[in-house]
Amino acid sequence: AVTFDQGFSYDREMPFDAQHSVKHMNVFGRMQGTCVH
């Protein structure tokens, strides 16, 4: 039960930083991001 970004990569600089999480509004009207591992 996790939302992933297909573009996420461990090869990025500081890959686990929250800046790489893609923000979006889910279907229930709540803001979420994508997993940064």
ModelCIF file with pLDDT and N, C-alpha, C, O atoms, coordinates in Angstrom:
data_MODEL
#
_entry.id   MODEL 
#
_entity.id                         1 
_entity.type                       polymer 
_entity.pdbx_number_of_molecules   1 
#
_entity_poly.entity_id                      1 
_entity_poly.type                           'polypeptide(L)' 
_entity_poly.nstd_linkage                   no 
_entity_poly.nstd_monomer                   no 
_entity_poly.pdbx_seq_one_letter_code       AVTFDQGFSYDREMPFDAQHSVKHMNVFGRMQGTCVH 
_entity_poly.pdbx_seq_one_letter_code_can   AVTFDQGFSYDREMPFDAQHSVKHMNVFGRMQGTCVH 
_entity_poly.pdbx_strand_id                 A 
#
loop_
_entity_poly_seq.entity_id 
_entity_poly_seq.num 
_entity_poly_seq.mon_id 
_entity_poly_seq.hetero 
1 1  ALA n 
1 2  VAL n 
1 3  THR n 
1 4  PHE n 
1 5  ASP n 
1 6  GLN n 
1 7  GLY n 
1 8  PHE n 
1 9  SER n 
1 10 TYR n 
1 11 ASP n 
1 12 ARG n 
1 13 GLU n 
1 14 MET n 
1 15 PRO n 
1 16 PHE n 
1 17 ASP n 
1 18 ALA n 
1 19 GLN n 
1 20 HIS n 
1 21 SER n 
1 22 VAL n 
1 23 LYS n 
1 24 HIS n 
1 25 MET n 
1 26 ASN n 
1 27 VAL n 
1 28 PHE n 
1 29 GLY n 
1 30 ARG n 
1 31 MET n 
1 32 GLN n 
1 33 GLY n 
1 34 THR n 
1 35 CYS n 
1 36 VAL n 
1 37 HIS n 
#
_struct_asym.id          A 
_struct_asym.entity_id   1 
#
loop_
_ma_qa_metric.id 
_ma_qa_metric.mode 
_ma_qa_metric.name 
_ma_qa_metric.software_group_id 
_ma_qa_metric.type 
1 global pLDDT . pLDDT 
2 local  pLDDT . pLDDT 
#
_ma_qa_metric_global.metric_id      1 
_ma_qa_metric_global.metric_value   95.81 
_ma_qa_metric_global.model_id       1 
_ma_qa_metric_global.ordinal_id     1 
#
loop_
_ma_qa_metric_local.label_asym_id 
_ma_qa_metric_local.label_comp_id 
_ma_qa_metric_local.label_seq_id 
_ma_qa_metric_local.metric_id 
_ma_qa_metric_local.metric_value 
_ma_qa_metric_local.model_id 
_ma_qa_metric_local.ordinal_id 
A ALA 1  2 98.00 1 1  
A VAL 2  2 98.00 1 2  
A THR 3  2 98.00 1 3  
A PHE 4  2 98.00 1 4  
A ASP 5  2 97.00 1 5  
A GLN 6  2 95.00 1 6  
A GLY 7  2 94.00 1 7  
A PHE 8  2 95.00 1 8  
A SER 9  2 93.00 1 9  
A TYR 10 2 93.00 1 10 
A ASP 11 2 91.00 1 11 
A ARG 12 2 89.00 1 12 
A GLU 13 2 90.00 1 13 
A MET 14 2 92.00 1 14 
A PRO 15 2 92.00 1 15 
A PHE 16 2 94.00 1 16 
A ASP 17 2 94.00 1 17 
A ALA 18 2 94.00 1 18 
A GLN 19 2 95.00 1 19 
A HIS 20 2 96.00 1 20 
A SER 21 2 97.00 1 21 
A VAL 22 2 97.00 1 22 
A LYS 23 2 97.00 1 23 
A HIS 24 2 97.00 1 24 
A MET 25 2 98.00 1 25 
A ASN 26 2 98.00 1 26 
A VAL 27 2 97.00 1 27 
A PHE 28 2 98.00 1 28 
A GLY 29 2 98.00 1 29 
A ARG 30 2 98.00 1 30 
A MET 31 2 98.00 1 31 
A GLN 32 2 98.00 1 32 
A GLY 33 2 98.00 1 33 
A THR 34 2 98.00 1 34 
A CYS 35 2 98.00 1 35 
A VAL 36 2 97.00 1 36 
A HIS 37 2 97.00 1 37 
#
loop_
_atom_site.group_PDB 
_atom_site.id 
_atom_site.type_symbol 
_atom_site.label_atom_id 
_atom_site.label_alt_id 
_atom_site.label_comp_id 
_atom_site.label_asym_id 
_atom_site.label_entity_id 
_atom_site.label_seq_id 
_atom_site.pdbx_PDB_ins_code 
_atom_site.Cartn_x 
_atom_site.Cartn_y 
_atom_site.Cartn_z 
_atom_site.occupancy 
_atom_site.B_iso_or_equiv 
_atom_site.pdbx_formal_charge 
_atom_site.auth_seq_id 
_atom_site.auth_comp_id 
_atom_site.auth_asym_id 
_atom_site.auth_atom_id 
_atom_site.pdbx_PDB_model_num 
ATOM 1   N N  . ALA A 1 1  ? 0.862   -1.190 0.000   1.00 98.00 ? 1  ALA A N  1 
ATOM 2   C CA . ALA A 1 1  ? 0.000   0.000  0.000   1.00 98.00 ? 1  ALA A CA 1 
ATOM 3   C C  . ALA A 1 1  ? 0.896   1.237  0.000   1.00 98.00 ? 1  ALA A C  1 
ATOM 4   O O  . ALA A 1 1  ? 0.923   2.006  0.961   1.00 98.00 ? 1  ALA A O  1 
ATOM 5   N N  . VAL A 1 2  ? 1.620   1.406  -1.091  1.00 98.00 ? 2  VAL A N  1 
ATOM 6   C CA . VAL A 1 2  ? 2.588   2.490  -1.242  1.00 98.00 ? 2  VAL A CA 1 
ATOM 7   C C  . VAL A 1 2  ? 2.443   3.077  -2.642  1.00 98.00 ? 2  VAL A C  1 
ATOM 8   O O  . VAL A 1 2  ? 2.208   2.348  -3.606  1.00 98.00 ? 2  VAL A O  1 
ATOM 9   N N  . THR A 1 3  ? 2.581   4.382  -2.748  1.00 98.00 ? 3  THR A N  1 
ATOM 10  C CA . THR A 1 3  ? 2.541   5.046  -4.048  1.00 98.00 ? 3  THR A CA 1 
ATOM 11  C C  . THR A 1 3  ? 3.960   5.293  -4.528  1.00 98.00 ? 3  THR A C  1 
ATOM 12  O O  . THR A 1 3  ? 4.732   5.985  -3.863  1.00 98.00 ? 3  THR A O  1 
ATOM 13  N N  . PHE A 1 4  ? 4.310   4.730  -5.682  1.00 98.00 ? 4  PHE A N  1 
ATOM 14  C CA . PHE A 1 4  ? 5.659   4.838  -6.226  1.00 98.00 ? 4  PHE A CA 1 
ATOM 15  C C  . PHE A 1 4  ? 5.697   5.774  -7.429  1.00 98.00 ? 4  PHE A C  1 
ATOM 16  O O  . PHE A 1 4  ? 4.702   5.952  -8.133  1.00 98.00 ? 4  PHE A O  1 
ATOM 17  N N  . ASP A 1 5  ? 6.861   6.362  -7.645  1.00 97.00 ? 5  ASP A N  1 
ATOM 18  C CA . ASP A 1 5  ? 7.159   7.126  -8.850  1.00 97.00 ? 5  ASP A CA 1 
ATOM 19  C C  . ASP A 1 5  ? 8.057   6.260  -9.716  1.00 97.00 ? 5  ASP A C  1 
ATOM 20  O O  . ASP A 1 5  ? 9.164   5.914  -9.305  1.00 97.00 ? 5  ASP A O  1 
ATOM 21  N N  . GLN A 1 6  ? 7.600   5.908  -10.900 1.00 95.00 ? 6  GLN A N  1 
ATOM 22  C CA . GLN A 1 6  ? 8.384   5.044  -11.776 1.00 95.00 ? 6  GLN A CA 1 
ATOM 23  C C  . GLN A 1 6  ? 9.730   5.665  -12.134 1.00 95.00 ? 6  GLN A C  1 
ATOM 24  O O  . GLN A 1 6  ? 10.657  4.959  -12.532 1.00 95.00 ? 6  GLN A O  1 
ATOM 25  N N  . GLY A 1 7  ? 9.836   6.976  -11.994 1.00 94.00 ? 7  GLY A N  1 
ATOM 26  C CA . GLY A 1 7  ? 11.081  7.654  -12.337 1.00 94.00 ? 7  GLY A CA 1 
ATOM 27  C C  . GLY A 1 7  ? 12.092  7.711  -11.210 1.00 94.00 ? 7  GLY A C  1 
ATOM 28  O O  . GLY A 1 7  ? 13.198  8.217  -11.397 1.00 94.00 ? 7  GLY A O  1 
ATOM 29  N N  . PHE A 1 8  ? 11.729  7.198  -10.036 1.00 95.00 ? 8  PHE A N  1 
ATOM 30  C CA . PHE A 1 8  ? 12.674  7.229  -8.919  1.00 95.00 ? 8  PHE A CA 1 
ATOM 31  C C  . PHE A 1 8  ? 13.896  6.387  -9.243  1.00 95.00 ? 8  PHE A C  1 
ATOM 32  O O  . PHE A 1 8  ? 13.788  5.354  -9.903  1.00 95.00 ? 8  PHE A O  1 
ATOM 33  N N  . SER A 1 9  ? 15.074  6.835  -8.773  1.00 93.00 ? 9  SER A N  1 
ATOM 34  C CA . SER A 1 9  ? 16.297  6.076  -9.020  1.00 93.00 ? 9  SER A CA 1 
ATOM 35  C C  . SER A 1 9  ? 17.267  6.244  -7.857  1.00 93.00 ? 9  SER A C  1 
ATOM 36  O O  . SER A 1 9  ? 17.408  7.332  -7.298  1.00 93.00 ? 9  SER A O  1 
ATOM 37  N N  . TYR A 1 10 ? 17.931  5.148  -7.503  1.00 93.00 ? 10 TYR A N  1 
ATOM 38  C CA . TYR A 1 10 ? 18.972  5.194  -6.491  1.00 93.00 ? 10 TYR A CA 1 
ATOM 39  C C  . TYR A 1 10 ? 20.202  5.940  -6.995  1.00 93.00 ? 10 TYR A C  1 
ATOM 40  O O  . TYR A 1 10 ? 21.072  6.306  -6.205  1.00 93.00 ? 10 TYR A O  1 
ATOM 41  N N  . ASP A 1 11 ? 20.279  6.167  -8.302  1.00 91.00 ? 11 ASP A N  1 
ATOM 42  C CA . ASP A 1 11 ? 21.455  6.816  -8.893  1.00 91.00 ? 11 ASP A CA 1 
ATOM 43  C C  . ASP A 1 11 ? 21.435  8.330  -8.741  1.00 91.00 ? 11 ASP A C  1 
ATOM 44  O O  . ASP A 1 11 ? 22.419  9.002  -9.046  1.00 91.00 ? 11 ASP A O  1 
ATOM 45  N N  . ARG A 1 12 ? 20.318  8.862  -8.270  1.00 89.00 ? 12 ARG A N  1 
ATOM 46  C CA . ARG A 1 12 ? 20.248  10.312 -8.082  1.00 89.00 ? 12 ARG A CA 1 
ATOM 47  C C  . ARG A 1 12 ? 21.161  10.755 -6.932  1.00 89.00 ? 12 ARG A C  1 
ATOM 48  O O  . ARG A 1 12 ? 21.522  9.961  -6.063  1.00 89.00 ? 12 ARG A O  1 
ATOM 49  N N  . GLU A 1 13 ? 21.520  12.025 -6.948  1.00 90.00 ? 13 GLU A N  1 
ATOM 50  C CA . GLU A 1 13 ? 22.209  12.597 -5.803  1.00 90.00 ? 13 GLU A CA 1 
ATOM 51  C C  . GLU A 1 13 ? 21.210  12.719 -4.651  1.00 90.00 ? 13 GLU A C  1 
ATOM 52  O O  . GLU A 1 13 ? 20.113  13.245 -4.839  1.00 90.00 ? 13 GLU A O  1 
ATOM 53  N N  . MET A 1 14 ? 21.578  12.239 -3.464  1.00 92.00 ? 14 MET A N  1 
ATOM 54  C CA . MET A 1 14 ? 20.697  12.237 -2.292  1.00 92.00 ? 14 MET A CA 1 
ATOM 55  C C  . MET A 1 14 ? 19.332  11.650 -2.649  1.00 92.00 ? 14 MET A C  1 
ATOM 56  O O  . MET A 1 14 ? 18.316  12.331 -2.512  1.00 92.00 ? 14 MET A O  1 
ATOM 57  N N  . PRO A 1 15 ? 19.295  10.395 -3.104  1.00 92.00 ? 15 PRO A N  1 
ATOM 58  C CA . PRO A 1 15 ? 18.043  9.817  -3.627  1.00 92.00 ? 15 PRO A CA 1 
ATOM 59  C C  . PRO A 1 15 ? 16.920  9.732  -2.603  1.00 92.00 ? 15 PRO A C  1 
ATOM 60  O O  . PRO A 1 15 ? 15.747  9.748  -2.975  1.00 92.00 ? 15 PRO A O  1 
ATOM 61  N N  . PHE A 1 16 ? 17.260  9.642  -1.312  1.00 94.00 ? 16 PHE A N  1 
ATOM 62  C CA . PHE A 1 16 ? 16.234  9.432  -0.292  1.00 94.00 ? 16 PHE A CA 1 
ATOM 63  C C  . PHE A 1 16 ? 15.689  10.741 0.273   1.00 94.00 ? 16 PHE A C  1 
ATOM 64  O O  . PHE A 1 16 ? 14.890  10.734 1.211   1.00 94.00 ? 16 PHE A O  1 
ATOM 65  N N  . ASP A 1 17 ? 16.111  11.834 -0.286  1.00 94.00 ? 17 ASP A N  1 
ATOM 66  C CA . ASP A 1 17 ? 15.651  13.133 0.188   1.00 94.00 ? 17 ASP A CA 1 
ATOM 67  C C  . ASP A 1 17 ? 14.214  13.391 -0.256  1.00 94.00 ? 17 ASP A C  1 
ATOM 68  O O  . ASP A 1 17 ? 13.821  13.003 -1.357  1.00 94.00 ? 17 ASP A O  1 
ATOM 69  N N  . ALA A 1 18 ? 13.443  14.035 0.588   1.00 94.00 ? 18 ALA A N  1 
ATOM 70  C CA . ALA A 1 18 ? 12.024  14.297 0.305   1.00 94.00 ? 18 ALA A CA 1 
ATOM 71  C C  . ALA A 1 18 ? 11.814  15.152 -0.932  1.00 94.00 ? 18 ALA A C  1 
ATOM 72  O O  . ALA A 1 18 ? 10.717  15.160 -1.492  1.00 94.00 ? 18 ALA A O  1 
ATOM 73  N N  . GLN A 1 19 ? 12.847  15.877 -1.374  1.00 95.00 ? 19 GLN A N  1 
ATOM 74  C CA . GLN A 1 19 ? 12.705  16.732 -2.564  1.00 95.00 ? 19 GLN A CA 1 
ATOM 75  C C  . GLN A 1 19 ? 12.359  15.915 -3.813  1.00 95.00 ? 19 GLN A C  1 
ATOM 76  O O  . GLN A 1 19 ? 11.831  16.459 -4.783  1.00 95.00 ? 19 GLN A O  1 
ATOM 77  N N  . HIS A 1 20 ? 12.655  14.608 -3.791  1.00 96.00 ? 20 HIS A N  1 
ATOM 78  C CA . HIS A 1 20 ? 12.386  13.773 -4.964  1.00 96.00 ? 20 HIS A CA 1 
ATOM 79  C C  . HIS A 1 20 ? 10.980  13.182 -4.952  1.00 96.00 ? 20 HIS A C  1 
ATOM 80  O O  . HIS A 1 20 ? 10.593  12.510 -5.908  1.00 96.00 ? 20 HIS A O  1 
ATOM 81  N N  . SER A 1 21 ? 10.211  13.415 -3.897  1.00 97.00 ? 21 SER A N  1 
ATOM 82  C CA . SER A 1 21 ? 8.851   12.887 -3.824  1.00 97.00 ? 21 SER A CA 1 
ATOM 83  C C  . SER A 1 21 ? 7.922   13.741 -4.684  1.00 97.00 ? 21 SER A C  1 
ATOM 84  O O  . SER A 1 21 ? 7.930   14.968 -4.595  1.00 97.00 ? 21 SER A O  1 
ATOM 85  N N  . VAL A 1 22 ? 7.127   13.081 -5.509  1.00 97.00 ? 22 VAL A N  1 
ATOM 86  C CA . VAL A 1 22 ? 6.213   13.784 -6.420  1.00 97.00 ? 22 VAL A CA 1 
ATOM 87  C C  . VAL A 1 22 ? 4.869   13.982 -5.719  1.00 97.00 ? 22 VAL A C  1 
ATOM 88  O O  . VAL A 1 22 ? 4.184   13.011 -5.397  1.00 97.00 ? 22 VAL A O  1 
ATOM 89  N N  . LYS A 1 23 ? 4.499   15.224 -5.488  1.00 97.00 ? 23 LYS A N  1 
ATOM 90  C CA . LYS A 1 23 ? 3.259   15.526 -4.785  1.00 97.00 ? 23 LYS A CA 1 
ATOM 91  C C  . LYS A 1 23 ? 2.058   15.404 -5.718  1.00 97.00 ? 23 LYS A C  1 
ATOM 92  O O  . LYS A 1 23 ? 2.126   15.742 -6.899  1.00 97.00 ? 23 LYS A O  1 
ATOM 93  N N  . HIS A 1 24 ? 0.948   14.906 -5.149  1.00 97.00 ? 24 HIS A N  1 
ATOM 94  C CA . HIS A 1 24 ? -0.282  14.768 -5.936  1.00 97.00 ? 24 HIS A CA 1 
ATOM 95  C C  . HIS A 1 24 ? -1.474  14.694 -4.989  1.00 97.00 ? 24 HIS A C  1 
ATOM 96  O O  . HIS A 1 24 ? -1.328  14.329 -3.823  1.00 97.00 ? 24 HIS A O  1 
ATOM 97  N N  . MET A 1 25 ? -2.636  15.037 -5.492  1.00 98.00 ? 25 MET A N  1 
ATOM 98  C CA . MET A 1 25 ? -3.875  14.925 -4.723  1.00 98.00 ? 25 MET A CA 1 
ATOM 99  C C  . MET A 1 25 ? -4.500  13.575 -5.023  1.00 98.00 ? 25 MET A C  1 
ATOM 100 O O  . MET A 1 25 ? -4.743  13.247 -6.184  1.00 98.00 ? 25 MET A O  1 
ATOM 101 N N  . ASN A 1 26 ? -4.765  12.780 -3.973  1.00 98.00 ? 26 ASN A N  1 
ATOM 102 C CA . ASN A 1 26 ? -5.364  11.476 -4.231  1.00 98.00 ? 26 ASN A CA 1 
ATOM 103 C C  . ASN A 1 26 ? -6.866  11.608 -4.478  1.00 98.00 ? 26 ASN A C  1 
ATOM 104 O O  . ASN A 1 26 ? -7.415  12.706 -4.389  1.00 98.00 ? 26 ASN A O  1 
ATOM 105 N N  . VAL A 1 27 ? -7.525  10.501 -4.785  1.00 97.00 ? 27 VAL A N  1 
ATOM 106 C CA . VAL A 1 27 ? -8.934  10.556 -5.186  1.00 97.00 ? 27 VAL A CA 1 
ATOM 107 C C  . VAL A 1 27 ? -9.854  10.916 -4.033  1.00 97.00 ? 27 VAL A C  1 
ATOM 108 O O  . VAL A 1 27 ? -11.035 11.195 -4.243  1.00 97.00 ? 27 VAL A O  1 
ATOM 109 N N  . PHE A 1 28 ? -9.322  10.912 -2.813  1.00 98.00 ? 28 PHE A N  1 
ATOM 110 C CA . PHE A 1 28 ? -10.132 11.266 -1.646  1.00 98.00 ? 28 PHE A CA 1 
ATOM 111 C C  . PHE A 1 28 ? -9.853  12.685 -1.164  1.00 98.00 ? 28 PHE A C  1 
ATOM 112 O O  . PHE A 1 28 ? -10.287 13.090 -0.086  1.00 98.00 ? 28 PHE A O  1 
ATOM 113 N N  . GLY A 1 29 ? -9.116  13.430 -1.989  1.00 98.00 ? 29 GLY A N  1 
ATOM 114 C CA . GLY A 1 29 ? -8.869  14.831 -1.671  1.00 98.00 ? 29 GLY A CA 1 
ATOM 115 C C  . GLY A 1 29 ? -7.771  15.065 -0.655  1.00 98.00 ? 29 GLY A C  1 
ATOM 116 O O  . GLY A 1 29 ? -7.754  16.110 -0.004  1.00 98.00 ? 29 GLY A O  1 
ATOM 117 N N  . ARG A 1 30 ? -6.849  14.118 -0.497  1.00 98.00 ? 30 ARG A N  1 
ATOM 118 C CA . ARG A 1 30 ? -5.745  14.277 0.439   1.00 98.00 ? 30 ARG A CA 1 
ATOM 119 C C  . ARG A 1 30 ? -4.427  14.332 -0.320  1.00 98.00 ? 30 ARG A C  1 
ATOM 120 O O  . ARG A 1 30 ? -4.199  13.550 -1.243  1.00 98.00 ? 30 ARG A O  1 
ATOM 121 N N  . MET A 1 31 ? -3.564  15.257 0.072   1.00 98.00 ? 31 MET A N  1 
ATOM 122 C CA . MET A 1 31 ? -2.278  15.413 -0.582  1.00 98.00 ? 31 MET A CA 1 
ATOM 123 C C  . MET A 1 31 ? -1.322  14.300 -0.154  1.00 98.00 ? 31 MET A C  1 
ATOM 124 O O  . MET A 1 31 ? -1.182  14.009 1.034   1.00 98.00 ? 31 MET A O  1 
ATOM 125 N N  . GLN A 1 32 ? -0.676  13.689 -1.129  1.00 98.00 ? 32 GLN A N  1 
ATOM 126 C CA . GLN A 1 32 ? 0.320   12.657 -0.875  1.00 98.00 ? 32 GLN A CA 1 
ATOM 127 C C  . GLN A 1 32 ? 1.555   12.901 -1.724  1.00 98.00 ? 32 GLN A C  1 
ATOM 128 O O  . GLN A 1 32 ? 1.575   13.771 -2.594  1.00 98.00 ? 32 GLN A O  1 
ATOM 129 N N  . GLY A 1 33 ? 2.599   12.098 -1.445  1.00 98.00 ? 33 GLY A N  1 
ATOM 130 C CA . GLY A 1 33 ? 3.794   12.114 -2.257  1.00 98.00 ? 33 GLY A CA 1 
ATOM 131 C C  . GLY A 1 33 ? 4.100   10.720 -2.746  1.00 98.00 ? 33 GLY A C  1 
ATOM 132 O O  . GLY A 1 33 ? 3.339   9.788  -2.487  1.00 98.00 ? 33 GLY A O  1 
ATOM 133 N N  . THR A 1 34 ? 5.215   10.562 -3.457  1.00 98.00 ? 34 THR A N  1 
ATOM 134 C CA . THR A 1 34 ? 5.657   9.245  -3.909  1.00 98.00 ? 34 THR A CA 1 
ATOM 135 C C  . THR A 1 34 ? 6.858   8.805  -3.077  1.00 98.00 ? 34 THR A C  1 
ATOM 136 O O  . THR A 1 34 ? 7.554   9.625  -2.477  1.00 98.00 ? 34 THR A O  1 
ATOM 137 N N  . CYS A 1 35 ? 7.083   7.501  -3.054  1.00 98.00 ? 35 CYS A N  1 
ATOM 138 C CA . CYS A 1 35 ? 8.088   6.907  -2.184  1.00 98.00 ? 35 CYS A CA 1 
ATOM 139 C C  . CYS A 1 35 ? 9.502   7.293  -2.607  1.00 98.00 ? 35 CYS A C  1 
ATOM 140 O O  . CYS A 1 35 ? 9.848   7.252  -3.788  1.00 98.00 ? 35 CYS A O  1 
ATOM 141 N N  . VAL A 1 36 ? 10.315  7.671  -1.611  1.00 97.00 ? 36 VAL A N  1 
ATOM 142 C CA . VAL A 1 36 ? 11.734  7.959  -1.856  1.00 97.00 ? 36 VAL A CA 1 
ATOM 143 C C  . VAL A 1 36 ? 12.630  6.967  -1.110  1.00 97.00 ? 36 VAL A C  1 
ATOM 144 O O  . VAL A 1 36 ? 13.818  7.223  -0.909  1.00 97.00 ? 36 VAL A O  1 
ATOM 145 N N  . HIS A 1 37 ? 12.053  5.834  -0.701  1.00 97.00 ? 37 HIS A N  1 
ATOM 146 C CA . HIS A 1 37 ? 12.830  4.738  -0.109  1.00 97.00 ? 37 HIS A CA 1 
ATOM 147 C C  . HIS A 1 37 ? 13.583  5.152  1.155   1.00 97.00 ? 37 HIS A C  1 
ATOM 148 O O  . HIS A 1 37 ? 14.276  4.332  1.757   1.00 97.00 ? 37 HIS A O  1 
#
